[in-house]
Amino acid sequence: MKKSLATLLIACLFLSIALAQSPLDKLKEKIGMTSSKGLTNDKIVAGLKDALKVSTGKAVAATGKPDGFLKNEAIKILLPPKLQSLGKGLRMVGMGGQVDALEVGMNRAAEQAAPEAKAIFVRGVTKMTFDDARKILSGGSDTAATEYFKRTSSEELTAAFAPIVHKSMENVGVVKQYNQLLQNPMAAPLAKDKSFNLDNYVVGKAMDGLFYMLGEEEKKIRKDPAARTTALLKEVFGKAGK
């Protein structure tokens, strides 16, 4: 009787582990072999690429819209560290409106630049090799794909974002507002610092925010890949979950 009970408990334990395993984990196990259900390596990689196209599209859509940065506290672009003391001082003397306008303008510039990332990410997915996919699936990180895009797309993103951010900040008056702040006596130390570039700061923060949102989308894929909406994802992740 005791032996039977012990056997039942062990069986239950293994069943609970199997149920806890995510479909992406099961894809990870299948990578490098052909599934008996016809799930080839090519199809597994195609499923991953499809998932990444969906997730990058959602990350771009979330950031590349009005208030995509400004109303998201996780990625909102704040005053540069070198300006924060000045910002506090200006608020204390009733000039908080200028500070707020500068912050709004920087976030608007990032929101206008973000849509350019969609095509860049699609190209990154298209160029992805089987080895890249294997590393993403078995990398041991919830954001392995995001790290892949950082390595392969950051340079192209910077080049694409820079002119858009600069033009946007000129159009919404950020450059003018920034120059006016620098004329304040409290900003004298920053005005003399020629190493700081506001355009570069906003471009960097725009990319940080975009990659943060991409990382969040990737975590969702790893937790619930079957929730993806394309036919290929349903086939690949559905079979991997069996």
C-alpha atoms as a PDB file:
ATOM      1  CA  MET A   1       0.000   0.000   0.000  1.00  0.00           C
ATOM      2  CA  LYS A   2       2.806   2.392   0.969  1.00  0.00           C
ATOM      3  CA  LYS A   3       4.670   1.548  -2.233  1.00  0.00           C
ATOM      4  CA  SER A   4       1.583   2.273  -4.324  1.00  0.00           C
ATOM      5  CA  LEU A   5       1.037   5.594  -2.523  1.00  0.00           C
ATOM      6  CA  ALA A   6       4.676   6.585  -3.076  1.00  0.00           C
ATOM      7  CA  THR A   7       4.407   5.710  -6.756  1.00  0.00           C
ATOM      8  CA  LEU A   8       1.266   7.840  -7.068  1.00  0.00           C
ATOM      9  CA  LEU A   9       2.935  10.817  -5.380  1.00  0.00           C
ATOM     10  CA  ILE A  10       5.947  10.594  -7.701  1.00  0.00           C
ATOM     11  CA  ALA A  11       3.659  10.431 -10.719  1.00  0.00           C
ATOM     12  CA  CYS A  12       1.803  13.518  -9.519  1.00  0.00           C
ATOM     13  CA  LEU A  13       5.078  15.370  -9.024  1.00  0.00           C
ATOM     14  CA  PHE A  14       6.233  14.667 -12.562  1.00  0.00           C
ATOM     15  CA  LEU A  15       2.823  15.669 -13.908  1.00  0.00           C
ATOM     16  CA  SER A  16       2.931  19.011 -12.092  1.00  0.00           C
ATOM     17  CA  ILE A  17       6.405  19.730 -13.482  1.00  0.00           C
ATOM     18  CA  ALA A  18       5.255  18.917 -17.000  1.00  0.00           C
ATOM     19  CA  LEU A  19       2.245  21.190 -16.672  1.00  0.00           C
ATOM     20  CA  ALA A  20       4.399  24.031 -15.312  1.00  0.00           C
ATOM     21  CA  GLN A  21       6.711  23.880 -18.315  1.00  0.00           C
ATOM     22  CA  SER A  22       5.962  26.653 -20.776  1.00  0.00           C
ATOM     23  CA  PRO A  23       5.415  26.018 -24.499  1.00  0.00           C
ATOM     24  CA  LEU A  24       8.600  27.995 -25.162  1.00  0.00           C
ATOM     25  CA  ASP A  25      10.521  25.631 -22.882  1.00  0.00           C
ATOM     26  CA  LYS A  26       9.178  22.731 -24.921  1.00  0.00           C
ATOM     27  CA  LEU A  27      10.210  24.468 -28.122  1.00  0.00           C
ATOM     28  CA  LYS A  28      13.645  24.786 -26.555  1.00  0.00           C
ATOM     29  CA  GLU A  29      13.757  21.011 -26.036  1.00  0.00           C
ATOM     30  CA  LYS A  30      12.717  20.359 -29.636  1.00  0.00           C
ATOM     31  CA  ILE A  31      15.242  22.710 -31.210  1.00  0.00           C
ATOM     32  CA  GLY A  32      17.927  20.650 -32.889  1.00  0.00           C
ATOM     33  CA  MET A  33      15.668  17.700 -33.730  1.00  0.00           C
ATOM     34  CA  THR A  34      12.679  16.954 -35.947  1.00  0.00           C
ATOM     35  CA  SER A  35       9.416  16.469 -34.129  1.00  0.00           C
ATOM     36  CA  SER A  36       7.483  13.261 -34.660  1.00  0.00           C
ATOM     37  CA  LYS A  37       4.501  15.520 -35.318  1.00  0.00           C
ATOM     38  CA  GLY A  38       6.254  17.121 -38.294  1.00  0.00           C
ATOM     39  CA  LEU A  39       7.586  20.149 -36.394  1.00  0.00           C
ATOM     40  CA  THR A  40      10.889  20.695 -38.186  1.00  0.00           C
ATOM     41  CA  ASN A  41      13.724  22.965 -37.097  1.00  0.00           C
ATOM     42  CA  ASP A  42      12.806  25.348 -39.905  1.00  0.00           C
ATOM     43  CA  LYS A  43       9.253  25.566 -38.687  1.00  0.00           C
ATOM     44  CA  ILE A  44      10.352  26.087 -35.087  1.00  0.00           C
ATOM     45  CA  VAL A  45      12.614  28.968 -36.152  1.00  0.00           C
ATOM     46  CA  ALA A  46       9.832  30.366 -38.343  1.00  0.00           C
ATOM     47  CA  GLY A  47       7.517  30.269 -35.328  1.00  0.00           C
ATOM     48  CA  LEU A  48      10.048  32.148 -33.203  1.00  0.00           C
ATOM     49  CA  LYS A  49      10.522  34.748 -35.931  1.00  0.00           C
ATOM     50  CA  ASP A  50       6.761  35.162 -36.200  1.00  0.00           C
ATOM     51  CA  ALA A  51       6.535  35.668 -32.456  1.00  0.00           C
ATOM     52  CA  LEU A  52       9.300  38.283 -32.562  1.00  0.00           C
ATOM     53  CA  LYS A  53       7.595  40.165 -35.398  1.00  0.00           C
ATOM     54  CA  VAL A  54       4.450  40.321 -33.279  1.00  0.00           C
ATOM     55  CA  SER A  55       6.288  41.432 -30.134  1.00  0.00           C
ATOM     56  CA  THR A  56       8.430  44.067 -31.849  1.00  0.00           C
ATOM     57  CA  GLY A  57       5.342  45.414 -33.591  1.00  0.00           C
ATOM     58  CA  LYS A  58       3.575  45.769 -30.252  1.00  0.00           C
ATOM     59  CA  ALA A  59       6.581  47.462 -28.630  1.00  0.00           C
ATOM     60  CA  VAL A  60       6.789  49.986 -31.473  1.00  0.00           C
ATOM     61  CA  ALA A  61       3.041  50.596 -31.393  1.00  0.00           C
ATOM     62  CA  ALA A  62       3.124  51.187 -27.635  1.00  0.00           C
ATOM     63  CA  THR A  63       5.914  53.760 -27.829  1.00  0.00           C
ATOM     64  CA  GLY A  64       5.315  55.379 -31.220  1.00  0.00           C
ATOM     65  CA  LYS A  65       2.055  57.126 -30.351  1.00  0.00           C
ATOM     66  CA  PRO A  66       1.057  60.287 -28.444  1.00  0.00           C
ATOM     67  CA  ASP A  67       1.889  59.801 -24.754  1.00  0.00           C
ATOM     68  CA  GLY A  68       3.627  56.497 -25.509  1.00  0.00           C
ATOM     69  CA  PHE A  69       6.633  57.798 -23.589  1.00  0.00           C
ATOM     70  CA  LEU A  70       5.183  60.734 -21.692  1.00  0.00           C
ATOM     71  CA  LYS A  71       2.433  58.802 -19.866  1.00  0.00           C
ATOM     72  CA  ASN A  72       4.457  55.634 -19.275  1.00  0.00           C
ATOM     73  CA  GLU A  73       6.341  56.153 -16.034  1.00  0.00           C
ATOM     74  CA  ALA A  74       8.651  53.229 -16.805  1.00  0.00           C
ATOM     75  CA  ILE A  75      10.117  54.915 -19.889  1.00  0.00           C
ATOM     76  CA  LYS A  76       9.217  58.618 -19.559  1.00  0.00           C
ATOM     77  CA  ILE A  77      12.187  60.788 -20.500  1.00  0.00           C
ATOM     78  CA  LEU A  78      13.089  63.069 -17.618  1.00  0.00           C
ATOM     79  CA  LEU A  79      15.459  66.002 -17.515  1.00  0.00           C
ATOM     80  CA  PRO A  80      19.077  64.978 -18.039  1.00  0.00           C
ATOM     81  CA  PRO A  81      20.847  64.405 -14.703  1.00  0.00           C
ATOM     82  CA  LYS A  82      22.936  67.536 -15.277  1.00  0.00           C
ATOM     83  CA  LEU A  83      19.730  69.576 -15.578  1.00  0.00           C
ATOM     84  CA  GLN A  84      17.786  68.114 -12.692  1.00  0.00           C
ATOM     85  CA  SER A  85      19.191  70.460 -10.038  1.00  0.00           C
ATOM     86  CA  LEU A  86      18.453  73.380 -12.320  1.00  0.00           C
ATOM     87  CA  GLY A  87      14.927  72.059 -12.861  1.00  0.00           C
ATOM     88  CA  LYS A  88      14.273  71.906  -9.133  1.00  0.00           C
ATOM     89  CA  GLY A  89      15.583  75.450  -8.718  1.00  0.00           C
ATOM     90  CA  LEU A  90      13.413  76.770 -11.533  1.00  0.00           C
ATOM     91  CA  ARG A  91      10.332  75.129 -10.059  1.00  0.00           C
ATOM     92  CA  MET A  92      11.038  76.820  -6.744  1.00  0.00           C
ATOM     93  CA  VAL A  93      11.031  80.255  -8.396  1.00  0.00           C
ATOM     94  CA  GLY A  94       7.853  79.651 -10.369  1.00  0.00           C
ATOM     95  CA  MET A  95       9.400  78.587 -13.681  1.00  0.00           C
ATOM     96  CA  GLY A  96       8.199  75.010 -13.576  1.00  0.00           C
ATOM     97  CA  GLY A  97       6.245  75.531 -16.801  1.00  0.00           C
ATOM     98  CA  GLN A  98       9.482  75.830 -18.771  1.00  0.00           C
ATOM     99  CA  VAL A  99      10.798  72.645 -17.225  1.00  0.00           C
ATOM    100  CA  ASP A 100       7.589  70.759 -17.988  1.00  0.00           C
ATOM    101  CA  ALA A 101       7.570  72.010 -21.584  1.00  0.00           C
ATOM    102  CA  LEU A 102      11.115  70.762 -22.085  1.00  0.00           C
ATOM    103  CA  GLU A 103      10.234  67.316 -20.730  1.00  0.00           C
ATOM    104  CA  VAL A 104       7.087  67.095 -22.861  1.00  0.00           C
ATOM    105  CA  GLY A 105       9.048  68.067 -25.964  1.00  0.00           C
ATOM    106  CA  MET A 106      11.716  65.425 -25.396  1.00  0.00           C
ATOM    107  CA  ASN A 107       9.085  62.727 -24.994  1.00  0.00           C
ATOM    108  CA  ARG A 108       7.200  63.879 -28.082  1.00  0.00           C
ATOM    109  CA  ALA A 109      10.420  63.613 -30.087  1.00  0.00           C
ATOM    110  CA  ALA A 110      10.939  60.022 -28.898  1.00  0.00           C
ATOM    111  CA  GLU A 111       7.336  59.133 -29.742  1.00  0.00           C
ATOM    112  CA  GLN A 112       7.763  60.452 -33.285  1.00  0.00           C
ATOM    113  CA  ALA A 113      11.010  58.538 -33.802  1.00  0.00           C
ATOM    114  CA  ALA A 114       9.832  55.164 -32.456  1.00  0.00           C
ATOM    115  CA  PRO A 115       7.824  54.054 -35.541  1.00  0.00           C
ATOM    116  CA  GLU A 116      11.067  53.976 -37.542  1.00  0.00           C
ATOM    117  CA  ALA A 117      12.104  50.971 -35.464  1.00  0.00           C
ATOM    118  CA  LYS A 118       9.471  48.674 -36.978  1.00  0.00           C
ATOM    119  CA  ALA A 119      11.210  48.149 -40.324  1.00  0.00           C
ATOM    120  CA  ILE A 120      14.589  47.849 -38.606  1.00  0.00           C
ATOM    121  CA  PHE A 121      13.328  45.122 -36.293  1.00  0.00           C
ATOM    122  CA  VAL A 122      11.708  43.279 -39.199  1.00  0.00           C
ATOM    123  CA  ARG A 123      15.050  43.284 -41.009  1.00  0.00           C
ATOM    124  CA  GLY A 124      16.716  41.996 -37.846  1.00  0.00           C
ATOM    125  CA  VAL A 125      14.235  39.121 -37.638  1.00  0.00           C
ATOM    126  CA  THR A 126      14.691  38.305 -41.334  1.00  0.00           C
ATOM    127  CA  LYS A 127      18.468  38.102 -40.939  1.00  0.00           C
ATOM    128  CA  MET A 128      18.209  35.854 -37.880  1.00  0.00           C
ATOM    129  CA  THR A 129      20.021  32.547 -38.361  1.00  0.00           C
ATOM    130  CA  PHE A 130      19.181  29.148 -36.923  1.00  0.00           C
ATOM    131  CA  ASP A 131      22.054  29.601 -34.468  1.00  0.00           C
ATOM    132  CA  ASP A 132      20.640  32.993 -33.388  1.00  0.00           C
ATOM    133  CA  ALA A 133      17.244  31.388 -32.802  1.00  0.00           C
ATOM    134  CA  ARG A 134      18.761  28.517 -30.838  1.00  0.00           C
ATOM    135  CA  LYS A 135      20.593  30.948 -28.566  1.00  0.00           C
ATOM    136  CA  ILE A 136      17.432  32.972 -28.003  1.00  0.00           C
ATOM    137  CA  LEU A 137      15.420  29.866 -27.139  1.00  0.00           C
ATOM    138  CA  SER A 138      18.080  28.353 -24.890  1.00  0.00           C
ATOM    139  CA  GLY A 139      19.822  31.479 -23.628  1.00  0.00           C
ATOM    140  CA  GLY A 140      18.501  31.187 -20.095  1.00  0.00           C
ATOM    141  CA  SER A 141      17.274  34.795 -20.126  1.00  0.00           C
ATOM    142  CA  ASP A 142      13.734  36.138 -20.322  1.00  0.00           C
ATOM    143  CA  THR A 143      15.017  38.901 -22.601  1.00  0.00           C
ATOM    144  CA  ALA A 144      17.475  37.016 -24.834  1.00  0.00           C
ATOM    145  CA  ALA A 145      15.699  38.203 -27.987  1.00  0.00           C
ATOM    146  CA  THR A 146      15.763  41.800 -26.783  1.00  0.00           C
ATOM    147  CA  GLU A 147      19.500  41.493 -26.194  1.00  0.00           C
ATOM    148  CA  TYR A 148      19.838  40.112 -29.715  1.00  0.00           C
ATOM    149  CA  PHE A 149      18.117  43.190 -31.138  1.00  0.00           C
ATOM    150  CA  LYS A 150      20.293  45.476 -29.026  1.00  0.00           C
ATOM    151  CA  ARG A 151      23.413  43.883 -30.468  1.00  0.00           C
ATOM    152  CA  THR A 152      22.243  43.819 -34.061  1.00  0.00           C
ATOM    153  CA  SER A 153      20.016  46.901 -34.398  1.00  0.00           C
ATOM    154  CA  SER A 154      21.297  49.640 -32.056  1.00  0.00           C
ATOM    155  CA  GLU A 155      23.575  51.248 -34.624  1.00  0.00           C
ATOM    156  CA  GLU A 156      20.867  51.354 -37.281  1.00  0.00           C
ATOM    157  CA  LEU A 157      18.288  52.608 -34.774  1.00  0.00           C
ATOM    158  CA  THR A 158      20.590  55.432 -33.682  1.00  0.00           C
ATOM    159  CA  ALA A 159      21.123  56.513 -37.286  1.00  0.00           C
ATOM    160  CA  ALA A 160      17.372  56.413 -37.992  1.00  0.00           C
ATOM    161  CA  PHE A 161      16.289  58.149 -34.775  1.00  0.00           C
ATOM    162  CA  ALA A 162      18.818  61.006 -34.732  1.00  0.00           C
ATOM    163  CA  PRO A 163      17.446  63.191 -37.567  1.00  0.00           C
ATOM    164  CA  ILE A 164      13.831  62.589 -36.527  1.00  0.00           C
ATOM    165  CA  VAL A 165      14.526  63.505 -32.910  1.00  0.00           C
ATOM    166  CA  HIS A 166      16.429  66.633 -33.931  1.00  0.00           C
ATOM    167  CA  LYS A 167      13.711  67.815 -36.327  1.00  0.00           C
ATOM    168  CA  SER A 168      10.952  67.033 -33.840  1.00  0.00           C
ATOM    169  CA  MET A 169      12.674  68.902 -31.019  1.00  0.00           C
ATOM    170  CA  GLU A 170      13.079  71.906 -33.291  1.00  0.00           C
ATOM    171  CA  ASN A 171       9.425  71.747 -34.370  1.00  0.00           C
ATOM    172  CA  VAL A 172       8.027  71.537 -30.837  1.00  0.00           C
ATOM    173  CA  GLY A 173      10.418  74.163 -29.507  1.00  0.00           C
ATOM    174  CA  VAL A 174      12.643  71.963 -27.360  1.00  0.00           C
ATOM    175  CA  VAL A 175      15.863  73.405 -28.748  1.00  0.00           C
ATOM    176  CA  LYS A 176      14.653  76.928 -28.075  1.00  0.00           C
ATOM    177  CA  GLN A 177      13.455  76.008 -24.567  1.00  0.00           C
ATOM    178  CA  TYR A 178      16.741  74.298 -23.799  1.00  0.00           C
ATOM    179  CA  ASN A 179      18.765  77.283 -24.956  1.00  0.00           C
ATOM    180  CA  GLN A 180      16.610  79.574 -22.840  1.00  0.00           C
ATOM    181  CA  LEU A 181      17.228  77.420 -19.776  1.00  0.00           C
ATOM    182  CA  LEU A 182      20.964  77.570 -20.382  1.00  0.00           C
ATOM    183  CA  GLN A 183      20.796  81.359 -20.233  1.00  0.00           C
ATOM    184  CA  ASN A 184      19.609  81.166 -16.633  1.00  0.00           C
ATOM    185  CA  PRO A 185      22.472  81.972 -14.222  1.00  0.00           C
ATOM    186  CA  MET A 186      21.816  78.706 -12.380  1.00  0.00           C
ATOM    187  CA  ALA A 187      22.674  76.821 -15.571  1.00  0.00           C
ATOM    188  CA  ALA A 188      26.119  78.384 -15.989  1.00  0.00           C
ATOM    189  CA  PRO A 189      28.064  75.140 -15.244  1.00  0.00           C
ATOM    190  CA  LEU A 190      26.028  73.180 -17.799  1.00  0.00           C
ATOM    191  CA  ALA A 191      26.257  75.932 -20.410  1.00  0.00           C
ATOM    192  CA  LYS A 192      30.054  75.614 -20.267  1.00  0.00           C
ATOM    193  CA  ASP A 193      29.951  71.828 -20.643  1.00  0.00           C
ATOM    194  CA  LYS A 194      30.421  71.252 -24.374  1.00  0.00           C
ATOM    195  CA  SER A 195      30.442  67.448 -23.976  1.00  0.00           C
ATOM    196  CA  PHE A 196      26.681  67.217 -23.382  1.00  0.00           C
ATOM    197  CA  ASN A 197      24.423  66.909 -26.427  1.00  0.00           C
ATOM    198  CA  LEU A 198      20.662  67.043 -25.897  1.00  0.00           C
ATOM    199  CA  ASP A 199      19.912  65.250 -29.179  1.00  0.00           C
ATOM    200  CA  ASN A 200      22.125  62.318 -28.207  1.00  0.00           C
ATOM    201  CA  TYR A 201      20.514  62.184 -24.768  1.00  0.00           C
ATOM    202  CA  VAL A 202      16.973  61.954 -26.193  1.00  0.00           C
ATOM    203  CA  VAL A 203      17.978  59.399 -28.847  1.00  0.00           C
ATOM    204  CA  GLY A 204      19.595  57.231 -26.174  1.00  0.00           C
ATOM    205  CA  LYS A 205      16.571  57.455 -23.900  1.00  0.00           C
ATOM    206  CA  ALA A 206      14.208  56.718 -26.796  1.00  0.00           C
ATOM    207  CA  MET A 207      16.113  53.529 -27.528  1.00  0.00           C
ATOM    208  CA  ASP A 208      16.207  52.594 -23.841  1.00  0.00           C
ATOM    209  CA  GLY A 209      12.430  52.949 -23.659  1.00  0.00           C
ATOM    210  CA  LEU A 210      11.853  50.988 -26.836  1.00  0.00           C
ATOM    211  CA  PHE A 211      14.056  48.101 -25.704  1.00  0.00           C
ATOM    212  CA  TYR A 212      12.392  48.122 -22.286  1.00  0.00           C
ATOM    213  CA  MET A 213       8.979  47.677 -23.900  1.00  0.00           C
ATOM    214  CA  LEU A 214      10.349  45.009 -26.226  1.00  0.00           C
ATOM    215  CA  GLY A 215      11.686  43.145 -23.202  1.00  0.00           C
ATOM    216  CA  GLU A 216       8.261  43.261 -21.581  1.00  0.00           C
ATOM    217  CA  GLU A 217       6.654  41.852 -24.730  1.00  0.00           C
ATOM    218  CA  GLU A 218       9.263  39.102 -24.902  1.00  0.00           C
ATOM    219  CA  LYS A 219       8.476  38.062 -21.338  1.00  0.00           C
ATOM    220  CA  LYS A 220       4.832  37.692 -22.350  1.00  0.00           C
ATOM    221  CA  ILE A 221       5.810  35.413 -25.248  1.00  0.00           C
ATOM    222  CA  ARG A 222       7.810  33.209 -22.921  1.00  0.00           C
ATOM    223  CA  LYS A 223       4.951  32.981 -20.438  1.00  0.00           C
ATOM    224  CA  ASP A 224       2.119  32.493 -22.898  1.00  0.00           C
ATOM    225  CA  PRO A 225       3.309  31.987 -26.503  1.00  0.00           C
ATOM    226  CA  ALA A 226       0.072  30.207 -27.406  1.00  0.00           C
ATOM    227  CA  ALA A 227      -1.670  33.563 -26.996  1.00  0.00           C
ATOM    228  CA  ARG A 228      -0.009  34.819 -30.187  1.00  0.00           C
ATOM    229  CA  THR A 229      -2.516  35.315 -32.945  1.00  0.00           C
ATOM    230  CA  THR A 230      -1.010  34.079 -36.225  1.00  0.00           C
ATOM    231  CA  ALA A 231      -1.689  30.666 -37.750  1.00  0.00           C
ATOM    232  CA  LEU A 232       1.992  29.727 -37.731  1.00  0.00           C
ATOM    233  CA  LEU A 233       2.308  30.521 -34.045  1.00  0.00           C
ATOM    234  CA  LYS A 234      -0.746  28.432 -33.243  1.00  0.00           C
ATOM    235  CA  GLU A 235       0.724  25.514 -35.175  1.00  0.00           C
ATOM    236  CA  VAL A 236       4.263  25.726 -33.817  1.00  0.00           C
ATOM    237  CA  PHE A 237       3.520  26.612 -30.230  1.00  0.00           C
ATOM    238  CA  GLY A 238       0.452  24.403 -30.168  1.00  0.00           C
ATOM    239  CA  LYS A 239       2.421  21.319 -31.232  1.00  0.00           C
ATOM    240  CA  ALA A 240       5.282  22.234 -28.931  1.00  0.00           C
ATOM    241  CA  GLY A 241       2.884  22.332 -26.029  1.00  0.00           C
ATOM    242  CA  LYS A 242       1.697  18.761 -26.616  1.00  0.00           C
END
